[in-house]
Amino acid sequence: MKKFTLIELLVVVAIIGILMSMLMPALSKARRASKSAVCKSNFSQLYKANLIFADGNNEKVVLVYNGSVRWTSLMWETYSSVNLLKCPEDDFSRNVFPIAENPDETSSMKVLNAVGNDDMPCGYNKNMGGWSQEAAKLTAFTNPVETPMFGDDLYYRLQPPTGWETWYYPKARHLKETANFVMSDGHVTSKTVAKSIDFQWTP
């Protein structure tokens, strides 16, 4: 049986190292693409949950905030899973409070996630209604294909990347520095934060 020389073994190790260095970026990209797909699926399900909510609310979508609780609690009965509010690309390390279902079933606040319940990786278009603004009506949407409903964010409400409230801007956490969005017609897309300004943010 032929024995390998030290040089031959070193050559083999070097070749394996080169192959691994070539494969790792591809594996990392595939892993991130998989996480993005989960995120998009979550947004799609939240979109459907909002349609169900609107169906029982005179075609009006859920409010972003009703003066007491956020949209996550207002439409809880139509999605009932905090997992849909999470993004696999967000490790939530910025906040020690995990997103969780409120164990107090009598409380109107169904989702607990941070002080003030503001911090979460899933934002809802602020122009859908809330505060002094009436809830948007599905039948009144002028361009649902270009109007985002939910998107990657750092807080419960999502708004275009203009103005001083930068913490409500879309959050790019996916491949090619993009954020995921589900539009008001139900299709899911990815855009850079800069490109998202071109959306029609008002229903």
C-alpha atoms as a PDB file:
ATOM      1  CA  MET A   1       0.000   0.000   0.000  1.00  0.00           C
ATOM      2  CA  LYS A   2       1.361   3.364  -1.034  1.00  0.00           C
ATOM      3  CA  LYS A   3       1.970   5.798   1.782  1.00  0.00           C
ATOM      4  CA  PHE A   4       1.263   9.477   1.327  1.00  0.00           C
ATOM      5  CA  THR A   5       4.143  11.849   1.782  1.00  0.00           C
ATOM      6  CA  LEU A   6       3.854  14.884   4.002  1.00  0.00           C
ATOM      7  CA  ILE A   7       3.787  17.157   0.968  1.00  0.00           C
ATOM      8  CA  GLU A   8       0.933  15.198  -0.610  1.00  0.00           C
ATOM      9  CA  LEU A   9      -1.068  15.413   2.626  1.00  0.00           C
ATOM     10  CA  LEU A  10      -0.472  19.139   2.829  1.00  0.00           C
ATOM     11  CA  VAL A  11      -1.653  19.534  -0.763  1.00  0.00           C
ATOM     12  CA  VAL A  12      -4.861  17.630   0.016  1.00  0.00           C
ATOM     13  CA  VAL A  13      -5.478  19.753   3.129  1.00  0.00           C
ATOM     14  CA  ALA A  14      -4.875  22.910   1.095  1.00  0.00           C
ATOM     15  CA  ILE A  15      -7.348  21.790  -1.597  1.00  0.00           C
ATOM     16  CA  ILE A  16      -9.995  21.010   1.033  1.00  0.00           C
ATOM     17  CA  GLY A  17      -9.423  24.441   2.569  1.00  0.00           C
ATOM     18  CA  ILE A  18      -9.862  26.136  -0.801  1.00  0.00           C
ATOM     19  CA  LEU A  19     -13.061  24.211  -1.491  1.00  0.00           C
ATOM     20  CA  MET A  20     -14.461  25.103   1.940  1.00  0.00           C
ATOM     21  CA  SER A  21     -13.660  28.786   1.411  1.00  0.00           C
ATOM     22  CA  MET A  22     -15.570  28.626  -1.868  1.00  0.00           C
ATOM     23  CA  LEU A  23     -18.570  26.818  -0.376  1.00  0.00           C
ATOM     24  CA  MET A  24     -19.022  28.849   2.823  1.00  0.00           C
ATOM     25  CA  PRO A  25     -20.306  32.064   1.152  1.00  0.00           C
ATOM     26  CA  ALA A  26     -22.796  30.037  -0.886  1.00  0.00           C
ATOM     27  CA  LEU A  27     -24.001  28.201   2.232  1.00  0.00           C
ATOM     28  CA  SER A  28     -24.292  31.463   4.147  1.00  0.00           C
ATOM     29  CA  LYS A  29     -26.298  33.028   1.313  1.00  0.00           C
ATOM     30  CA  ALA A  30     -28.617  30.007   1.168  1.00  0.00           C
ATOM     31  CA  ARG A  31     -29.136  30.155   4.930  1.00  0.00           C
ATOM     32  CA  ARG A  32     -30.009  33.846   4.793  1.00  0.00           C
ATOM     33  CA  ALA A  33     -32.344  33.291   1.836  1.00  0.00           C
ATOM     34  CA  SER A  34     -34.137  30.626   3.866  1.00  0.00           C
ATOM     35  CA  LYS A  35     -34.571  33.018   6.792  1.00  0.00           C
ATOM     36  CA  SER A  36     -35.899  35.690   4.451  1.00  0.00           C
ATOM     37  CA  ALA A  37     -38.450  33.203   3.085  1.00  0.00           C
ATOM     38  CA  VAL A  38     -39.724  32.566   6.625  1.00  0.00           C
ATOM     39  CA  CYS A  39     -40.001  36.309   7.206  1.00  0.00           C
ATOM     40  CA  LYS A  40     -41.985  36.751   3.987  1.00  0.00           C
ATOM     41  CA  SER A  41     -44.282  33.886   4.935  1.00  0.00           C
ATOM     42  CA  ASN A  42     -44.955  35.549   8.310  1.00  0.00           C
ATOM     43  CA  PHE A  43     -45.878  38.818   6.616  1.00  0.00           C
ATOM     44  CA  SER A  44     -48.162  36.991   4.205  1.00  0.00           C
ATOM     45  CA  GLN A  45     -49.999  35.350   7.102  1.00  0.00           C
ATOM     46  CA  LEU A  46     -50.330  38.661   8.947  1.00  0.00           C
ATOM     47  CA  TYR A  47     -51.786  40.197   5.782  1.00  0.00           C
ATOM     48  CA  LYS A  48     -54.409  37.441   5.640  1.00  0.00           C
ATOM     49  CA  ALA A  49     -55.119  37.899   9.333  1.00  0.00           C
ATOM     50  CA  ASN A  50     -55.772  41.593   8.722  1.00  0.00           C
ATOM     51  CA  LEU A  51     -58.192  40.722   5.913  1.00  0.00           C
ATOM     52  CA  ILE A  52     -60.070  38.439   8.293  1.00  0.00           C
ATOM     53  CA  PHE A  53     -60.139  41.253  10.839  1.00  0.00           C
ATOM     54  CA  ALA A  54     -61.458  43.684   8.223  1.00  0.00           C
ATOM     55  CA  ASP A  55     -64.112  41.199   7.143  1.00  0.00           C
ATOM     56  CA  GLY A  56     -65.675  41.474  10.589  1.00  0.00           C
ATOM     57  CA  ASN A  57     -65.017  45.195  10.927  1.00  0.00           C
ATOM     58  CA  ASN A  58     -66.976  46.771   8.080  1.00  0.00           C
ATOM     59  CA  GLU A  59     -64.006  46.275   5.687  1.00  0.00           C
ATOM     60  CA  LYS A  60     -61.775  48.415   7.909  1.00  0.00           C
ATOM     61  CA  VAL A  61     -58.269  47.127   8.653  1.00  0.00           C
ATOM     62  CA  VAL A  62     -56.896  47.049  12.176  1.00  0.00           C
ATOM     63  CA  LEU A  63     -55.713  50.319  13.709  1.00  0.00           C
ATOM     64  CA  VAL A  64     -52.017  50.767  14.384  1.00  0.00           C
ATOM     65  CA  TYR A  65     -52.903  52.017  17.872  1.00  0.00           C
ATOM     66  CA  ASN A  66     -56.258  52.728  19.445  1.00  0.00           C
ATOM     67  CA  GLY A  67     -55.014  54.840  22.342  1.00  0.00           C
ATOM     68  CA  SER A  68     -54.668  51.834  24.595  1.00  0.00           C
ATOM     69  CA  VAL A  69     -53.094  48.862  22.782  1.00  0.00           C
ATOM     70  CA  ARG A  70     -51.202  48.202  19.543  1.00  0.00           C
ATOM     71  CA  TRP A  71     -52.362  46.359  16.430  1.00  0.00           C
ATOM     72  CA  THR A  72     -50.670  43.190  17.668  1.00  0.00           C
ATOM     73  CA  SER A  73     -53.253  42.948  20.427  1.00  0.00           C
ATOM     74  CA  LEU A  74     -56.203  44.409  18.525  1.00  0.00           C
ATOM     75  CA  MET A  75     -56.208  41.661  15.895  1.00  0.00           C
ATOM     76  CA  TRP A  76     -54.811  38.904  18.109  1.00  0.00           C
ATOM     77  CA  GLU A  77     -57.779  36.613  17.538  1.00  0.00           C
ATOM     78  CA  THR A  78     -57.048  36.421  13.792  1.00  0.00           C
ATOM     79  CA  TYR A  79     -53.430  35.247  14.021  1.00  0.00           C
ATOM     80  CA  SER A  80     -52.821  34.137  17.654  1.00  0.00           C
ATOM     81  CA  SER A  81     -49.104  33.364  17.349  1.00  0.00           C
ATOM     82  CA  VAL A  82     -46.271  35.603  18.446  1.00  0.00           C
ATOM     83  CA  ASN A  83     -43.994  33.663  16.091  1.00  0.00           C
ATOM     84  CA  LEU A  84     -45.524  35.579  13.164  1.00  0.00           C
ATOM     85  CA  LEU A  85     -44.202  38.797  14.700  1.00  0.00           C
ATOM     86  CA  LYS A  86     -40.608  37.568  14.694  1.00  0.00           C
ATOM     87  CA  CYS A  87     -37.969  37.672  11.980  1.00  0.00           C
ATOM     88  CA  PRO A  88     -35.295  34.940  11.864  1.00  0.00           C
ATOM     89  CA  GLU A  89     -32.743  37.589  10.883  1.00  0.00           C
ATOM     90  CA  ASP A  90     -33.415  39.600  14.043  1.00  0.00           C
ATOM     91  CA  ASP A  91     -31.795  38.133  17.163  1.00  0.00           C
ATOM     92  CA  PHE A  92     -33.536  40.773  19.332  1.00  0.00           C
ATOM     93  CA  SER A  93     -30.261  41.260  21.194  1.00  0.00           C
ATOM     94  CA  ARG A  94     -31.029  44.979  21.521  1.00  0.00           C
ATOM     95  CA  ASN A  95     -33.831  44.177  23.955  1.00  0.00           C
ATOM     96  CA  VAL A  96     -33.917  41.871  26.948  1.00  0.00           C
ATOM     97  CA  PHE A  97     -37.689  41.451  26.651  1.00  0.00           C
ATOM     98  CA  PRO A  98     -38.703  38.595  24.321  1.00  0.00           C
ATOM     99  CA  ILE A  99     -41.909  38.768  22.330  1.00  0.00           C
ATOM    100  CA  ALA A 100     -44.400  36.645  24.234  1.00  0.00           C
ATOM    101  CA  GLU A 101     -48.093  36.020  24.635  1.00  0.00           C
ATOM    102  CA  ASN A 102     -49.533  37.695  27.696  1.00  0.00           C
ATOM    103  CA  PRO A 103     -50.360  34.951  30.238  1.00  0.00           C
ATOM    104  CA  ASP A 104     -53.129  37.177  31.602  1.00  0.00           C
ATOM    105  CA  GLU A 105     -56.019  36.195  29.335  1.00  0.00           C
ATOM    106  CA  THR A 106     -58.234  38.926  30.783  1.00  0.00           C
ATOM    107  CA  SER A 107     -55.881  41.697  29.649  1.00  0.00           C
ATOM    108  CA  SER A 108     -56.555  43.625  26.452  1.00  0.00           C
ATOM    109  CA  MET A 109     -52.791  43.645  25.861  1.00  0.00           C
ATOM    110  CA  LYS A 110     -52.327  40.204  24.278  1.00  0.00           C
ATOM    111  CA  VAL A 111     -48.684  40.551  23.245  1.00  0.00           C
ATOM    112  CA  LEU A 112     -45.814  41.494  25.526  1.00  0.00           C
ATOM    113  CA  ASN A 113     -42.514  42.426  23.940  1.00  0.00           C
ATOM    114  CA  ALA A 114     -40.858  45.416  25.573  1.00  0.00           C
ATOM    115  CA  VAL A 115     -41.348  48.426  27.744  1.00  0.00           C
ATOM    116  CA  GLY A 116     -44.300  50.195  26.156  1.00  0.00           C
ATOM    117  CA  ASN A 117     -44.805  47.266  23.779  1.00  0.00           C
ATOM    118  CA  ASP A 118     -43.147  49.234  20.995  1.00  0.00           C
ATOM    119  CA  ASP A 119     -40.105  47.134  20.153  1.00  0.00           C
ATOM    120  CA  MET A 120     -40.556  44.392  17.550  1.00  0.00           C
ATOM    121  CA  PRO A 121     -39.113  43.389  14.165  1.00  0.00           C
ATOM    122  CA  CYS A 122     -42.480  43.634  12.428  1.00  0.00           C
ATOM    123  CA  GLY A 123     -43.947  47.052  11.652  1.00  0.00           C
ATOM    124  CA  TYR A 124     -47.418  48.014  10.450  1.00  0.00           C
ATOM    125  CA  ASN A 125     -47.902  50.962   8.080  1.00  0.00           C
ATOM    126  CA  LYS A 126     -48.814  53.919  10.295  1.00  0.00           C
ATOM    127  CA  ASN A 127     -51.144  55.294   7.606  1.00  0.00           C
ATOM    128  CA  MET A 128     -53.535  52.377   8.077  1.00  0.00           C
ATOM    129  CA  GLY A 129     -55.124  54.358  10.893  1.00  0.00           C
ATOM    130  CA  GLY A 130     -54.781  55.116  14.568  1.00  0.00           C
ATOM    131  CA  TRP A 131     -54.570  57.940  17.063  1.00  0.00           C
ATOM    132  CA  SER A 132     -56.955  60.538  15.531  1.00  0.00           C
ATOM    133  CA  GLN A 133     -56.977  58.842  12.123  1.00  0.00           C
ATOM    134  CA  GLU A 134     -59.804  56.495  11.163  1.00  0.00           C
ATOM    135  CA  ALA A 135     -58.944  52.954  10.083  1.00  0.00           C
ATOM    136  CA  ALA A 136     -58.387  52.540   6.358  1.00  0.00           C
ATOM    137  CA  LYS A 137     -61.120  50.746   4.431  1.00  0.00           C
ATOM    138  CA  LEU A 138     -60.026  48.018   2.022  1.00  0.00           C
ATOM    139  CA  THR A 139     -62.480  49.087  -0.654  1.00  0.00           C
ATOM    140  CA  ALA A 140     -61.061  52.625  -0.553  1.00  0.00           C
ATOM    141  CA  PHE A 141     -57.427  51.693  -1.241  1.00  0.00           C
ATOM    142  CA  THR A 142     -56.360  53.565  -4.394  1.00  0.00           C
ATOM    143  CA  ASN A 143     -53.257  51.533  -5.255  1.00  0.00           C
ATOM    144  CA  PRO A 144     -52.939  48.410  -3.065  1.00  0.00           C
ATOM    145  CA  VAL A 145     -50.151  46.982  -5.258  1.00  0.00           C
ATOM    146  CA  GLU A 146     -47.871  49.843  -4.190  1.00  0.00           C
ATOM    147  CA  THR A 147     -49.098  50.330  -0.617  1.00  0.00           C
ATOM    148  CA  PRO A 148     -47.131  48.433   2.052  1.00  0.00           C
ATOM    149  CA  MET A 149     -49.100  46.883   4.899  1.00  0.00           C
ATOM    150  CA  PHE A 150     -46.411  45.175   7.015  1.00  0.00           C
ATOM    151  CA  GLY A 151     -42.642  45.305   6.769  1.00  0.00           C
ATOM    152  CA  ASP A 152     -39.300  44.770   8.474  1.00  0.00           C
ATOM    153  CA  ASP A 153     -38.895  47.339  11.202  1.00  0.00           C
ATOM    154  CA  LEU A 154     -37.593  47.910  14.725  1.00  0.00           C
ATOM    155  CA  TYR A 155     -40.910  49.046  16.169  1.00  0.00           C
ATOM    156  CA  TYR A 156     -44.613  48.278  15.964  1.00  0.00           C
ATOM    157  CA  ARG A 157     -45.311  51.023  13.434  1.00  0.00           C
ATOM    158  CA  LEU A 158     -43.768  51.431   9.992  1.00  0.00           C
ATOM    159  CA  GLN A 159     -43.375  54.625   8.036  1.00  0.00           C
ATOM    160  CA  PRO A 160     -41.509  55.906   4.953  1.00  0.00           C
ATOM    161  CA  PRO A 161     -37.820  56.775   5.412  1.00  0.00           C
ATOM    162  CA  THR A 162     -38.326  60.527   5.584  1.00  0.00           C
ATOM    163  CA  GLY A 163     -38.448  62.932   8.491  1.00  0.00           C
ATOM    164  CA  TRP A 164     -36.789  62.794  11.894  1.00  0.00           C
ATOM    165  CA  GLU A 165     -38.436  59.655  13.349  1.00  0.00           C
ATOM    166  CA  THR A 166     -35.748  57.345  11.975  1.00  0.00           C
ATOM    167  CA  TRP A 167     -36.586  54.555  14.437  1.00  0.00           C
ATOM    168  CA  TYR A 168     -39.809  53.892  12.491  1.00  0.00           C
ATOM    169  CA  TYR A 169     -38.015  53.516   9.155  1.00  0.00           C
ATOM    170  CA  PRO A 170     -37.962  50.095   7.440  1.00  0.00           C
ATOM    171  CA  LYS A 171     -35.096  47.910   8.642  1.00  0.00           C
ATOM    172  CA  ALA A 172     -32.828  46.285   6.047  1.00  0.00           C
ATOM    173  CA  ARG A 173     -31.846  42.928   7.497  1.00  0.00           C
ATOM    174  CA  HIS A 174     -31.894  40.615   4.467  1.00  0.00           C
ATOM    175  CA  LEU A 175     -29.721  39.846   1.452  1.00  0.00           C
ATOM    176  CA  LYS A 176     -28.535  42.817  -0.623  1.00  0.00           C
ATOM    177  CA  GLU A 177     -29.407  45.162   2.258  1.00  0.00           C
ATOM    178  CA  THR A 178     -33.145  44.822   1.692  1.00  0.00           C
ATOM    179  CA  ALA A 179     -36.242  44.832   3.869  1.00  0.00           C
ATOM    180  CA  ASN A 180     -39.258  42.595   3.251  1.00  0.00           C
ATOM    181  CA  PHE A 181     -42.756  44.000   2.810  1.00  0.00           C
ATOM    182  CA  VAL A 182     -46.208  42.580   2.192  1.00  0.00           C
ATOM    183  CA  MET A 183     -48.227  44.955   0.061  1.00  0.00           C
ATOM    184  CA  SER A 184     -51.935  45.653   0.402  1.00  0.00           C
ATOM    185  CA  ASP A 185     -52.809  43.356  -2.498  1.00  0.00           C
ATOM    186  CA  GLY A 186     -51.073  40.442  -0.739  1.00  0.00           C
ATOM    187  CA  HIS A 187     -47.858  40.105  -2.726  1.00  0.00           C
ATOM    188  CA  VAL A 188     -44.542  40.127  -0.862  1.00  0.00           C
ATOM    189  CA  THR A 189     -41.516  42.074  -2.071  1.00  0.00           C
ATOM    190  CA  SER A 190     -38.033  43.136  -0.967  1.00  0.00           C
ATOM    191  CA  LYS A 191     -36.658  46.656  -1.301  1.00  0.00           C
ATOM    192  CA  THR A 192     -33.753  48.684  -0.015  1.00  0.00           C
ATOM    193  CA  VAL A 193     -34.745  51.323   2.507  1.00  0.00           C
ATOM    194  CA  ALA A 194     -33.933  54.039  -0.030  1.00  0.00           C
ATOM    195  CA  LYS A 195     -36.179  52.439  -2.667  1.00  0.00           C
ATOM    196  CA  SER A 196     -39.059  51.982  -0.233  1.00  0.00           C
ATOM    197  CA  ILE A 197     -39.646  55.717  -0.278  1.00  0.00           C
ATOM    198  CA  ASP A 198     -41.180  55.203  -3.721  1.00  0.00           C
ATOM    199  CA  PHE A 199     -44.050  53.174  -2.295  1.00  0.00           C
ATOM    200  CA  GLN A 200     -47.479  54.757  -2.032  1.00  0.00           C
ATOM    201  CA  TRP A 201     -47.576  54.810   1.752  1.00  0.00           C
ATOM    202  CA  THR A 202     -51.053  56.301   2.052  1.00  0.00           C
ATOM    203  CA  PRO A 203     -53.912  53.894   1.227  1.00  0.00           C
END
